[in-house]
Amino acid sequence: MKQPTANSMYGMVAEFHDTETLLKAANLVREAGYTATDAFSPIPVHGLVEALGIRRSRLAGIVLCGGLAGAATGFALQTYLSVFQYPHVVSGRPLFSWPSFVPIIFELTILFSAFAAVFGMFGLNGLPKPYDPVFNTPGFNRASTDGFFLCIQSNDPKYDPAATRALLEKAGAVQVTEVAKHPDDPE
């Protein structure tokens, strides 16, 4: 059997019994200086994001920009139509009657914000992603029911197979598995 090379390894995945052990392991891994990490759990684990050192999401800014673009679009569209394209005086009100624009501005703000949230989330999460090498971990299908997993990727500057395995075992891992990349994955 061909032995995997360092470039063909995706990383190391450790399985833990419960959320407390997973959280302690994530803190230990971050304190050891690892940065290319990820955790998988069937339930939300309070403090796991901080323990892994994951930075705050940029999605809120993307949604804000989408909402502002929607508001500007609604205002500009109605201004153009009522003042320049079809200038009709209705019931003596001025051509540029901006208070009547508010419902459409509101609706387009919501619409553009929703689209920005959905497509921003897909973009930031790298979705759709039908395959990930971590899926090859034995027992990983339990990550959606009762399994708790911590992954350290091989592209981490501190990654050393022996030292990483020792750290994860010291953290209380039930099982530590080295995961290979898919042959079609880019190096």
N, C-alpha and C. Protein backbone atom coordinates (compact mmCIF):
# COMPACT_ATOMS: atom_id res chain seq x y z
N MET A 1 0.84 -1.19 0.00
CA MET A 1 0.00 0.00 0.00
C MET A 1 0.88 1.25 0.00
N LYS A 2 0.52 2.21 -0.84
CA LYS A 2 1.30 3.44 -0.96
C LYS A 2 1.12 4.31 0.28
N GLN A 3 2.24 4.76 0.85
CA GLN A 3 2.22 5.62 2.04
C GLN A 3 1.91 7.05 1.61
N PRO A 4 0.97 7.74 2.30
CA PRO A 4 0.63 9.12 1.92
C PRO A 4 1.79 10.07 2.19
N THR A 5 1.98 11.02 1.30
CA THR A 5 3.02 12.03 1.47
C THR A 5 2.46 13.20 2.27
N ALA A 6 3.35 14.09 2.70
CA ALA A 6 2.93 15.25 3.50
C ALA A 6 1.97 16.14 2.71
N ASN A 7 2.20 16.27 1.38
CA ASN A 7 1.33 17.11 0.56
C ASN A 7 -0.03 16.48 0.32
N SER A 8 -0.14 15.17 0.49
CA SER A 8 -1.43 14.52 0.23
C SER A 8 -2.31 14.46 1.47
N MET A 9 -1.82 14.97 2.60
CA MET A 9 -2.60 14.93 3.84
C MET A 9 -3.42 16.21 4.00
N TYR A 10 -4.68 16.02 4.36
CA TYR A 10 -5.56 17.17 4.63
C TYR A 10 -5.33 17.68 6.04
N GLY A 11 -5.15 16.76 6.97
CA GLY A 11 -4.94 17.15 8.36
C GLY A 11 -5.21 16.00 9.30
N MET A 12 -5.47 16.36 10.55
CA MET A 12 -5.72 15.37 11.58
C MET A 12 -7.04 15.71 12.27
N VAL A 13 -7.88 14.70 12.45
CA VAL A 13 -9.19 14.87 13.07
C VAL A 13 -9.25 14.04 14.33
N ALA A 14 -9.66 14.69 15.43
CA ALA A 14 -9.79 14.01 16.71
C ALA A 14 -11.25 13.97 17.12
N GLU A 15 -11.66 12.86 17.69
CA GLU A 15 -13.03 12.70 18.18
C GLU A 15 -13.02 12.79 19.70
N PHE A 16 -14.05 13.46 20.25
CA PHE A 16 -14.16 13.64 21.69
C PHE A 16 -15.52 13.14 22.17
N HIS A 17 -15.58 12.81 23.47
CA HIS A 17 -16.82 12.26 24.05
C HIS A 17 -17.92 13.29 24.22
N ASP A 18 -17.56 14.52 24.65
CA ASP A 18 -18.58 15.49 25.00
C ASP A 18 -18.12 16.91 24.69
N THR A 19 -19.01 17.86 24.93
CA THR A 19 -18.72 19.26 24.60
C THR A 19 -17.64 19.86 25.49
N GLU A 20 -17.59 19.47 26.76
CA GLU A 20 -16.59 20.03 27.66
C GLU A 20 -15.18 19.65 27.21
N THR A 21 -15.00 18.38 26.84
CA THR A 21 -13.70 17.93 26.38
C THR A 21 -13.33 18.60 25.07
N LEU A 22 -14.30 18.74 24.18
CA LEU A 22 -14.05 19.42 22.90
C LEU A 22 -13.64 20.87 23.13
N LEU A 23 -14.32 21.55 24.03
CA LEU A 23 -14.00 22.95 24.33
C LEU A 23 -12.62 23.09 24.95
N LYS A 24 -12.27 22.20 25.89
CA LYS A 24 -10.93 22.23 26.49
C LYS A 24 -9.86 21.95 25.44
N ALA A 25 -10.13 20.99 24.55
CA ALA A 25 -9.17 20.67 23.49
C ALA A 25 -9.00 21.85 22.54
N ALA A 26 -10.09 22.51 22.19
CA ALA A 26 -9.99 23.67 21.29
C ALA A 26 -9.15 24.78 21.93
N ASN A 27 -9.34 25.01 23.23
CA ASN A 27 -8.52 26.01 23.93
C ASN A 27 -7.05 25.59 23.94
N LEU A 28 -6.79 24.33 24.19
CA LEU A 28 -5.41 23.82 24.24
C LEU A 28 -4.74 23.95 22.86
N VAL A 29 -5.48 23.64 21.81
CA VAL A 29 -4.94 23.73 20.45
C VAL A 29 -4.64 25.18 20.09
N ARG A 30 -5.55 26.11 20.45
CA ARG A 30 -5.30 27.53 20.16
C ARG A 30 -4.10 28.04 20.95
N GLU A 31 -4.00 27.65 22.22
CA GLU A 31 -2.88 28.08 23.05
C GLU A 31 -1.55 27.52 22.54
N ALA A 32 -1.61 26.36 21.88
CA ALA A 32 -0.40 25.76 21.30
C ALA A 32 0.03 26.49 20.03
N GLY A 33 -0.83 27.37 19.50
CA GLY A 33 -0.46 28.18 18.35
C GLY A 33 -1.04 27.74 17.02
N TYR A 34 -1.90 26.75 17.02
CA TYR A 34 -2.52 26.30 15.78
C TYR A 34 -3.61 27.30 15.36
N THR A 35 -3.66 27.57 14.04
CA THR A 35 -4.64 28.54 13.55
C THR A 35 -5.58 27.94 12.50
N ALA A 36 -5.15 26.94 11.75
CA ALA A 36 -6.00 26.32 10.72
C ALA A 36 -6.77 25.17 11.35
N THR A 37 -7.80 25.53 12.13
CA THR A 37 -8.56 24.53 12.87
C THR A 37 -10.05 24.68 12.58
N ASP A 38 -10.78 23.62 12.87
CA ASP A 38 -12.23 23.66 12.75
C ASP A 38 -12.81 22.62 13.69
N ALA A 39 -14.04 22.85 14.13
CA ALA A 39 -14.71 21.91 15.02
C ALA A 39 -16.07 21.56 14.45
N PHE A 40 -16.51 20.35 14.75
CA PHE A 40 -17.78 19.86 14.26
C PHE A 40 -18.55 19.27 15.42
N SER A 41 -19.80 19.73 15.58
CA SER A 41 -20.61 19.31 16.71
C SER A 41 -22.08 19.29 16.30
N PRO A 42 -22.86 18.35 16.83
CA PRO A 42 -24.28 18.33 16.48
C PRO A 42 -25.10 19.40 17.18
N ILE A 43 -24.53 20.02 18.20
CA ILE A 43 -25.23 21.07 18.94
C ILE A 43 -24.33 22.29 19.07
N PRO A 44 -24.89 23.47 19.26
CA PRO A 44 -24.05 24.65 19.48
C PRO A 44 -23.27 24.49 20.79
N VAL A 45 -22.00 24.83 20.75
CA VAL A 45 -21.15 24.76 21.94
C VAL A 45 -20.74 26.17 22.28
N HIS A 46 -21.29 26.68 23.40
CA HIS A 46 -21.00 28.04 23.81
C HIS A 46 -19.51 28.21 24.10
N GLY A 47 -18.88 29.18 23.46
CA GLY A 47 -17.47 29.47 23.67
C GLY A 47 -16.54 28.79 22.68
N LEU A 48 -17.05 27.94 21.81
CA LEU A 48 -16.20 27.21 20.87
C LEU A 48 -15.58 28.14 19.82
N VAL A 49 -16.35 29.10 19.36
CA VAL A 49 -15.83 30.05 18.36
C VAL A 49 -14.65 30.82 18.93
N GLU A 50 -14.79 31.28 20.17
CA GLU A 50 -13.70 32.00 20.82
C GLU A 50 -12.52 31.08 21.09
N ALA A 51 -12.80 29.84 21.49
CA ALA A 51 -11.74 28.88 21.78
C ALA A 51 -10.91 28.57 20.54
N LEU A 52 -11.55 28.53 19.39
CA LEU A 52 -10.83 28.27 18.15
C LEU A 52 -10.16 29.52 17.59
N GLY A 53 -10.51 30.68 18.11
CA GLY A 53 -9.92 31.92 17.63
C GLY A 53 -10.47 32.35 16.28
N ILE A 54 -11.73 31.97 15.99
CA ILE A 54 -12.35 32.35 14.72
C ILE A 54 -12.79 33.81 14.81
N ARG A 55 -12.40 34.58 13.80
CA ARG A 55 -12.73 36.01 13.83
C ARG A 55 -14.20 36.23 13.50
N ARG A 56 -14.67 37.40 13.83
CA ARG A 56 -16.07 37.76 13.61
C ARG A 56 -16.41 37.74 12.12
N SER A 57 -17.62 37.32 11.80
CA SER A 57 -18.06 37.21 10.41
C SER A 57 -18.25 38.59 9.77
N ARG A 58 -17.99 38.65 8.48
CA ARG A 58 -18.20 39.89 7.72
C ARG A 58 -19.60 39.96 7.14
N LEU A 59 -20.45 39.00 7.46
CA LEU A 59 -21.78 38.94 6.86
C LEU A 59 -22.64 40.15 7.22
N ALA A 60 -22.52 40.65 8.44
CA ALA A 60 -23.31 41.81 8.84
C ALA A 60 -23.01 43.02 7.95
N GLY A 61 -21.76 43.23 7.64
CA GLY A 61 -21.38 44.33 6.75
C GLY A 61 -21.91 44.14 5.34
N ILE A 62 -21.89 42.90 4.88
CA ILE A 62 -22.42 42.60 3.54
C ILE A 62 -23.92 42.87 3.49
N VAL A 63 -24.64 42.47 4.54
CA VAL A 63 -26.09 42.71 4.59
C VAL A 63 -26.38 44.21 4.67
N LEU A 64 -25.60 44.94 5.45
CA LEU A 64 -25.78 46.39 5.53
C LEU A 64 -25.58 47.04 4.16
N CYS A 65 -24.54 46.65 3.46
CA CYS A 65 -24.29 47.21 2.13
C CYS A 65 -25.44 46.85 1.17
N GLY A 66 -25.94 45.62 1.26
CA GLY A 66 -27.09 45.23 0.44
C GLY A 66 -28.31 46.07 0.74
N GLY A 67 -28.57 46.31 2.03
CA GLY A 67 -29.72 47.14 2.42
C GLY A 67 -29.57 48.58 1.94
N LEU A 68 -28.38 49.14 2.08
CA LEU A 68 -28.16 50.51 1.60
C LEU A 68 -28.30 50.59 0.09
N ALA A 69 -27.82 49.57 -0.62
CA ALA A 69 -27.98 49.54 -2.08
C ALA A 69 -29.46 49.45 -2.46
N GLY A 70 -30.23 48.68 -1.71
CA GLY A 70 -31.67 48.58 -1.96
C GLY A 70 -32.38 49.90 -1.73
N ALA A 71 -32.03 50.58 -0.64
CA ALA A 71 -32.65 51.87 -0.34
C ALA A 71 -32.30 52.89 -1.42
N ALA A 72 -31.03 52.92 -1.82
CA ALA A 72 -30.61 53.87 -2.86
C ALA A 72 -31.29 53.56 -4.19
N THR A 73 -31.42 52.27 -4.51
CA THR A 73 -32.09 51.88 -5.75
C THR A 73 -33.55 52.29 -5.74
N GLY A 74 -34.24 52.04 -4.63
CA GLY A 74 -35.65 52.43 -4.52
C GLY A 74 -35.84 53.93 -4.65
N PHE A 75 -34.98 54.68 -3.97
CA PHE A 75 -35.08 56.15 -4.02
C PHE A 75 -34.78 56.66 -5.42
N ALA A 76 -33.70 56.17 -6.03
CA ALA A 76 -33.30 56.64 -7.36
C ALA A 76 -34.33 56.26 -8.41
N LEU A 77 -34.85 55.04 -8.34
CA LEU A 77 -35.83 54.59 -9.31
C LEU A 77 -37.09 55.45 -9.26
N GLN A 78 -37.60 55.71 -8.07
CA GLN A 78 -38.83 56.49 -7.94
C GLN A 78 -38.60 57.95 -8.29
N THR A 79 -37.44 58.48 -7.92
CA THR A 79 -37.13 59.86 -8.28
C THR A 79 -37.07 60.00 -9.79
N TYR A 80 -36.38 59.10 -10.46
CA TYR A 80 -36.26 59.15 -11.92
C TYR A 80 -37.64 59.05 -12.58
N LEU A 81 -38.44 58.09 -12.13
CA LEU A 81 -39.74 57.89 -12.76
C LEU A 81 -40.70 59.04 -12.53
N SER A 82 -40.78 59.54 -11.29
CA SER A 82 -41.78 60.57 -11.00
C SER A 82 -41.34 61.98 -11.37
N VAL A 83 -40.06 62.23 -11.47
CA VAL A 83 -39.60 63.58 -11.77
C VAL A 83 -39.19 63.72 -13.24
N PHE A 84 -38.51 62.73 -13.79
CA PHE A 84 -37.96 62.87 -15.14
C PHE A 84 -38.73 62.10 -16.21
N GLN A 85 -39.05 60.85 -15.98
CA GLN A 85 -39.66 60.02 -17.01
C GLN A 85 -41.15 60.31 -17.19
N TYR A 86 -41.91 60.36 -16.10
CA TYR A 86 -43.37 60.57 -16.16
C TYR A 86 -43.77 61.69 -15.20
N PRO A 87 -43.43 62.93 -15.48
CA PRO A 87 -43.75 64.02 -14.56
C PRO A 87 -45.23 64.42 -14.62
N HIS A 88 -46.03 63.85 -13.77
CA HIS A 88 -47.46 64.17 -13.69
C HIS A 88 -47.78 64.72 -12.32
N VAL A 89 -48.50 65.81 -12.29
CA VAL A 89 -48.96 66.39 -11.04
C VAL A 89 -50.26 65.68 -10.67
N VAL A 90 -50.25 65.03 -9.51
CA VAL A 90 -51.43 64.29 -9.04
C VAL A 90 -51.91 64.94 -7.75
N SER A 91 -53.15 65.41 -7.74
CA SER A 91 -53.78 66.02 -6.56
C SER A 91 -52.98 67.19 -6.02
N GLY A 92 -52.27 67.87 -6.86
CA GLY A 92 -51.56 69.07 -6.46
C GLY A 92 -50.27 68.82 -5.69
N ARG A 93 -49.82 67.59 -5.58
CA ARG A 93 -48.57 67.34 -4.86
C ARG A 93 -47.39 67.60 -5.79
N PRO A 94 -46.23 67.93 -5.23
CA PRO A 94 -45.07 68.20 -6.08
C PRO A 94 -44.59 66.93 -6.79
N LEU A 95 -43.81 67.11 -7.86
CA LEU A 95 -43.28 65.96 -8.58
C LEU A 95 -42.36 65.12 -7.69
N PHE A 96 -41.51 65.79 -6.93
CA PHE A 96 -40.59 65.08 -6.03
C PHE A 96 -41.24 65.02 -4.65
N SER A 97 -42.12 64.06 -4.46
CA SER A 97 -42.82 63.89 -3.20
C SER A 97 -42.22 62.67 -2.47
N TRP A 98 -41.08 62.87 -1.86
CA TRP A 98 -40.32 61.76 -1.29
C TRP A 98 -41.05 60.97 -0.19
N PRO A 99 -41.95 61.54 0.62
CA PRO A 99 -42.63 60.70 1.61
C PRO A 99 -43.40 59.53 1.00
N SER A 100 -43.90 59.71 -0.21
CA SER A 100 -44.61 58.60 -0.85
C SER A 100 -43.66 57.52 -1.35
N PHE A 101 -42.37 57.79 -1.35
CA PHE A 101 -41.36 56.82 -1.79
C PHE A 101 -41.03 55.80 -0.70
N VAL A 102 -41.33 56.12 0.56
CA VAL A 102 -40.88 55.31 1.69
C VAL A 102 -41.28 53.84 1.61
N PRO A 103 -42.51 53.48 1.27
CA PRO A 103 -42.84 52.04 1.24
C PRO A 103 -41.98 51.24 0.25
N ILE A 104 -41.75 51.80 -0.93
CA ILE A 104 -40.94 51.09 -1.92
C ILE A 104 -39.48 51.05 -1.48
N ILE A 105 -38.99 52.13 -0.91
CA ILE A 105 -37.62 52.14 -0.40
C ILE A 105 -37.45 51.06 0.67
N PHE A 106 -38.42 50.97 1.57
CA PHE A 106 -38.38 49.96 2.63
C PHE A 106 -38.38 48.55 2.03
N GLU A 107 -39.26 48.30 1.08
CA GLU A 107 -39.36 46.96 0.49
C GLU A 107 -38.08 46.57 -0.24
N LEU A 108 -37.49 47.48 -1.00
CA LEU A 108 -36.25 47.16 -1.70
C LEU A 108 -35.08 47.01 -0.74
N THR A 109 -35.10 47.75 0.38
CA THR A 109 -34.07 47.57 1.40
C THR A 109 -34.12 46.15 1.95
N ILE A 110 -35.31 45.66 2.28
CA ILE A 110 -35.48 44.31 2.79
C ILE A 110 -35.08 43.28 1.74
N LEU A 111 -35.52 43.47 0.50
CA LEU A 111 -35.23 42.52 -0.57
C LEU A 111 -33.73 42.41 -0.83
N PHE A 112 -33.05 43.54 -0.98
CA PHE A 112 -31.62 43.52 -1.25
C PHE A 112 -30.84 42.98 -0.05
N SER A 113 -31.29 43.28 1.18
CA SER A 113 -30.63 42.74 2.37
C SER A 113 -30.75 41.22 2.42
N ALA A 114 -31.93 40.71 2.09
CA ALA A 114 -32.12 39.26 2.11
C ALA A 114 -31.24 38.58 1.06
N PHE A 115 -31.18 39.12 -0.14
CA PHE A 115 -30.32 38.55 -1.16
C PHE A 115 -28.86 38.62 -0.75
N ALA A 116 -28.45 39.75 -0.17
CA ALA A 116 -27.06 39.89 0.29
C ALA A 116 -26.75 38.87 1.39
N ALA A 117 -27.70 38.63 2.28
CA ALA A 117 -27.49 37.65 3.36
C ALA A 117 -27.32 36.24 2.80
N VAL A 118 -28.20 35.86 1.90
CA VAL A 118 -28.15 34.49 1.35
C VAL A 118 -26.89 34.29 0.52
N PHE A 119 -26.66 35.16 -0.45
CA PHE A 119 -25.51 34.96 -1.33
C PHE A 119 -24.19 35.25 -0.61
N GLY A 120 -24.20 36.19 0.35
CA GLY A 120 -23.01 36.43 1.16
C GLY A 120 -22.65 35.23 2.00
N MET A 121 -23.67 34.60 2.60
CA MET A 121 -23.43 33.40 3.40
C MET A 121 -22.87 32.27 2.53
N PHE A 122 -23.46 32.08 1.36
CA PHE A 122 -22.94 31.05 0.46
C PHE A 122 -21.48 31.35 0.09
N GLY A 123 -21.19 32.59 -0.24
CA GLY A 123 -19.82 32.95 -0.62
C GLY A 123 -18.83 32.81 0.51
N LEU A 124 -19.16 33.31 1.69
CA LEU A 124 -18.24 33.24 2.82
C LEU A 124 -18.02 31.82 3.32
N ASN A 125 -19.03 30.96 3.19
CA ASN A 125 -18.90 29.57 3.64
C ASN A 125 -18.36 28.66 2.55
N GLY A 126 -18.13 29.19 1.37
CA GLY A 126 -17.61 28.37 0.28
C GLY A 126 -18.61 27.33 -0.20
N LEU A 127 -19.88 27.67 -0.16
CA LEU A 127 -20.93 26.73 -0.56
C LEU A 127 -21.32 26.95 -2.01
N PRO A 128 -21.84 26.01 -2.70
CA PRO A 128 -22.08 24.65 -2.25
C PRO A 128 -20.77 23.85 -2.21
N LYS A 129 -20.66 22.98 -1.24
CA LYS A 129 -19.46 22.17 -1.06
C LYS A 129 -19.89 20.73 -0.83
N PRO A 130 -20.10 19.98 -1.90
CA PRO A 130 -20.61 18.63 -1.73
C PRO A 130 -19.59 17.65 -1.15
N TYR A 131 -18.30 18.03 -1.15
CA TYR A 131 -17.28 17.12 -0.65
C TYR A 131 -16.25 17.89 0.16
N ASP A 132 -15.83 17.32 1.26
CA ASP A 132 -14.74 17.85 2.06
C ASP A 132 -13.93 16.65 2.53
N PRO A 133 -12.61 16.72 2.51
CA PRO A 133 -11.80 15.56 2.93
C PRO A 133 -12.10 15.08 4.35
N VAL A 134 -12.58 15.97 5.21
CA VAL A 134 -12.87 15.56 6.59
C VAL A 134 -14.01 14.54 6.64
N PHE A 135 -14.81 14.46 5.57
CA PHE A 135 -15.88 13.47 5.52
C PHE A 135 -15.34 12.04 5.51
N ASN A 136 -14.05 11.86 5.17
CA ASN A 136 -13.43 10.54 5.14
C ASN A 136 -13.04 10.03 6.52
N THR A 137 -13.19 10.84 7.54
CA THR A 137 -12.85 10.42 8.90
C THR A 137 -13.79 9.31 9.35
N PRO A 138 -13.24 8.22 9.87
CA PRO A 138 -14.12 7.15 10.36
C PRO A 138 -15.06 7.66 11.45
N GLY A 139 -16.33 7.40 11.29
CA GLY A 139 -17.33 7.81 12.27
C GLY A 139 -17.76 9.26 12.18
N PHE A 140 -17.30 9.97 11.14
CA PHE A 140 -17.63 11.40 11.04
C PHE A 140 -19.11 11.63 10.79
N ASN A 141 -19.81 10.63 10.28
CA ASN A 141 -21.25 10.80 10.06
C ASN A 141 -21.98 11.05 11.38
N ARG A 142 -21.36 10.74 12.51
CA ARG A 142 -21.96 11.01 13.81
C ARG A 142 -21.84 12.48 14.22
N ALA A 143 -21.13 13.29 13.45
CA ALA A 143 -21.01 14.71 13.77
C ALA A 143 -22.34 15.42 13.74
N SER A 144 -23.33 14.83 13.09
CA SER A 144 -24.65 15.45 13.06
C SER A 144 -25.60 14.84 14.08
N THR A 145 -25.15 13.85 14.85
CA THR A 145 -26.02 13.24 15.86
C THR A 145 -25.41 13.28 17.26
N ASP A 146 -24.25 12.65 17.45
CA ASP A 146 -23.68 12.60 18.80
C ASP A 146 -22.16 12.63 18.83
N GLY A 147 -21.51 13.05 17.75
CA GLY A 147 -20.05 13.08 17.69
C GLY A 147 -19.52 14.50 17.79
N PHE A 148 -18.36 14.62 18.43
CA PHE A 148 -17.70 15.92 18.59
C PHE A 148 -16.30 15.79 18.03
N PHE A 149 -15.98 16.58 17.00
CA PHE A 149 -14.72 16.44 16.29
C PHE A 149 -13.98 17.76 16.23
N LEU A 150 -12.65 17.65 16.25
CA LEU A 150 -11.76 18.81 16.11
C LEU A 150 -10.76 18.48 15.03
N CYS A 151 -10.61 19.38 14.06
CA CYS A 151 -9.72 19.15 12.92
C CYS A 151 -8.60 20.19 12.93
N ILE A 152 -7.39 19.73 12.72
CA ILE A 152 -6.25 20.62 12.51
C ILE A 152 -5.74 20.32 11.10
N GLN A 153 -5.73 21.33 10.25
CA GLN A 153 -5.37 21.14 8.85
C GLN A 153 -3.85 21.13 8.68
N SER A 154 -3.41 20.39 7.68
CA SER A 154 -1.96 20.25 7.46
C SER A 154 -1.32 21.51 6.91
N ASN A 155 -2.11 22.47 6.45
CA ASN A 155 -1.53 23.73 5.95
C ASN A 155 -1.23 24.71 7.08
N ASP A 156 -1.49 24.31 8.32
CA ASP A 156 -1.15 25.14 9.48
C ASP A 156 0.37 25.18 9.63
N PRO A 157 0.95 26.34 9.87
CA PRO A 157 2.41 26.44 10.00
C PRO A 157 2.98 25.56 11.12
N LYS A 158 2.23 25.32 12.17
CA LYS A 158 2.73 24.52 13.29
C LYS A 158 2.47 23.03 13.13
N TYR A 159 1.83 22.64 12.04
CA TYR A 159 1.44 21.24 11.86
C TYR A 159 2.66 20.34 11.71
N ASP A 160 2.75 19.38 12.60
CA ASP A 160 3.73 18.30 12.54
C ASP A 160 2.96 17.05 12.94
N PRO A 161 2.91 16.04 12.08
CA PRO A 161 2.03 14.90 12.37
C PRO A 161 2.22 14.29 13.77
N ALA A 162 3.44 14.08 14.18
CA ALA A 162 3.67 13.45 15.48
C ALA A 162 3.27 14.38 16.64
N ALA A 163 3.70 15.64 16.56
CA ALA A 163 3.40 16.59 17.64
C ALA A 163 1.90 16.89 17.71
N THR A 164 1.25 16.99 16.55
CA THR A 164 -0.18 17.26 16.52
C THR A 164 -0.97 16.10 17.11
N ARG A 165 -0.59 14.88 16.74
CA ARG A 165 -1.25 13.70 17.29
C ARG A 165 -1.08 13.65 18.82
N ALA A 166 0.14 13.92 19.28
CA ALA A 166 0.40 13.89 20.73
C ALA A 166 -0.43 14.94 21.45
N LEU A 167 -0.55 16.13 20.87
CA LEU A 167 -1.34 17.20 21.48
C LEU A 167 -2.82 16.81 21.57
N LEU A 168 -3.35 16.26 20.50
CA LEU A 168 -4.76 15.87 20.49
C LEU A 168 -5.04 14.72 21.46
N GLU A 169 -4.12 13.78 21.56
CA GLU A 169 -4.28 12.68 22.51
C GLU A 169 -4.20 13.20 23.94
N LYS A 170 -3.29 14.16 24.17
CA LYS A 170 -3.17 14.78 25.50
C LYS A 170 -4.44 15.54 25.86
N ALA A 171 -5.13 16.08 24.84
CA ALA A 171 -6.36 16.85 25.06
C ALA A 171 -7.55 15.96 25.41
N GLY A 172 -7.39 14.65 25.31
CA GLY A 172 -8.46 13.75 25.68
C GLY A 172 -9.23 13.16 24.52
N ALA A 173 -8.61 13.10 23.35
CA ALA A 173 -9.29 12.55 22.19
C ALA A 173 -9.52 11.05 22.34
N VAL A 174 -10.69 10.61 21.94
CA VAL A 174 -11.03 9.20 21.95
C VAL A 174 -10.30 8.50 20.80
N GLN A 175 -10.27 9.18 19.65
CA GLN A 175 -9.64 8.63 18.46
C GLN A 175 -9.05 9.79 17.66
N VAL A 176 -7.83 9.60 17.14
CA VAL A 176 -7.17 10.59 16.30
C VAL A 176 -6.91 9.94 14.96
N THR A 177 -7.37 10.60 13.88
CA THR A 177 -7.25 10.04 12.54
C THR A 177 -6.58 11.05 11.63
N GLU A 178 -5.59 10.58 10.86
CA GLU A 178 -4.98 11.42 9.84
C GLU A 178 -5.80 11.27 8.57
N VAL A 179 -6.22 12.39 7.99
CA VAL A 179 -7.12 12.37 6.85
C VAL A 179 -6.38 12.83 5.59
N ALA A 180 -6.50 12.03 4.54
CA ALA A 180 -5.86 12.35 3.26
C ALA A 180 -6.76 13.24 2.42
N LYS A 181 -6.12 14.03 1.57
CA LYS A 181 -6.88 14.84 0.61
C LYS A 181 -7.45 13.92 -0.45
N HIS A 182 -8.49 14.39 -1.09
CA HIS A 182 -9.02 13.69 -2.24
C HIS A 182 -8.02 13.84 -3.38
N PRO A 183 -7.81 12.83 -4.22
CA PRO A 183 -6.83 12.95 -5.30
C PRO A 183 -7.09 14.13 -6.24
N ASP A 184 -8.34 14.57 -6.37
CA ASP A 184 -8.65 15.67 -7.27
C ASP A 184 -8.51 17.04 -6.62
N ASP A 185 -8.24 17.09 -5.30
CA ASP A 185 -8.09 18.37 -4.62
C ASP A 185 -6.82 19.06 -5.06
N PRO A 186 -6.85 20.41 -5.17
CA PRO A 186 -5.62 21.13 -5.52
C PRO A 186 -4.62 21.07 -4.38
N GLU A 187 -3.36 21.07 -4.71
CA GLU A 187 -2.29 21.00 -3.70
C GLU A 187 -2.17 22.31 -2.97
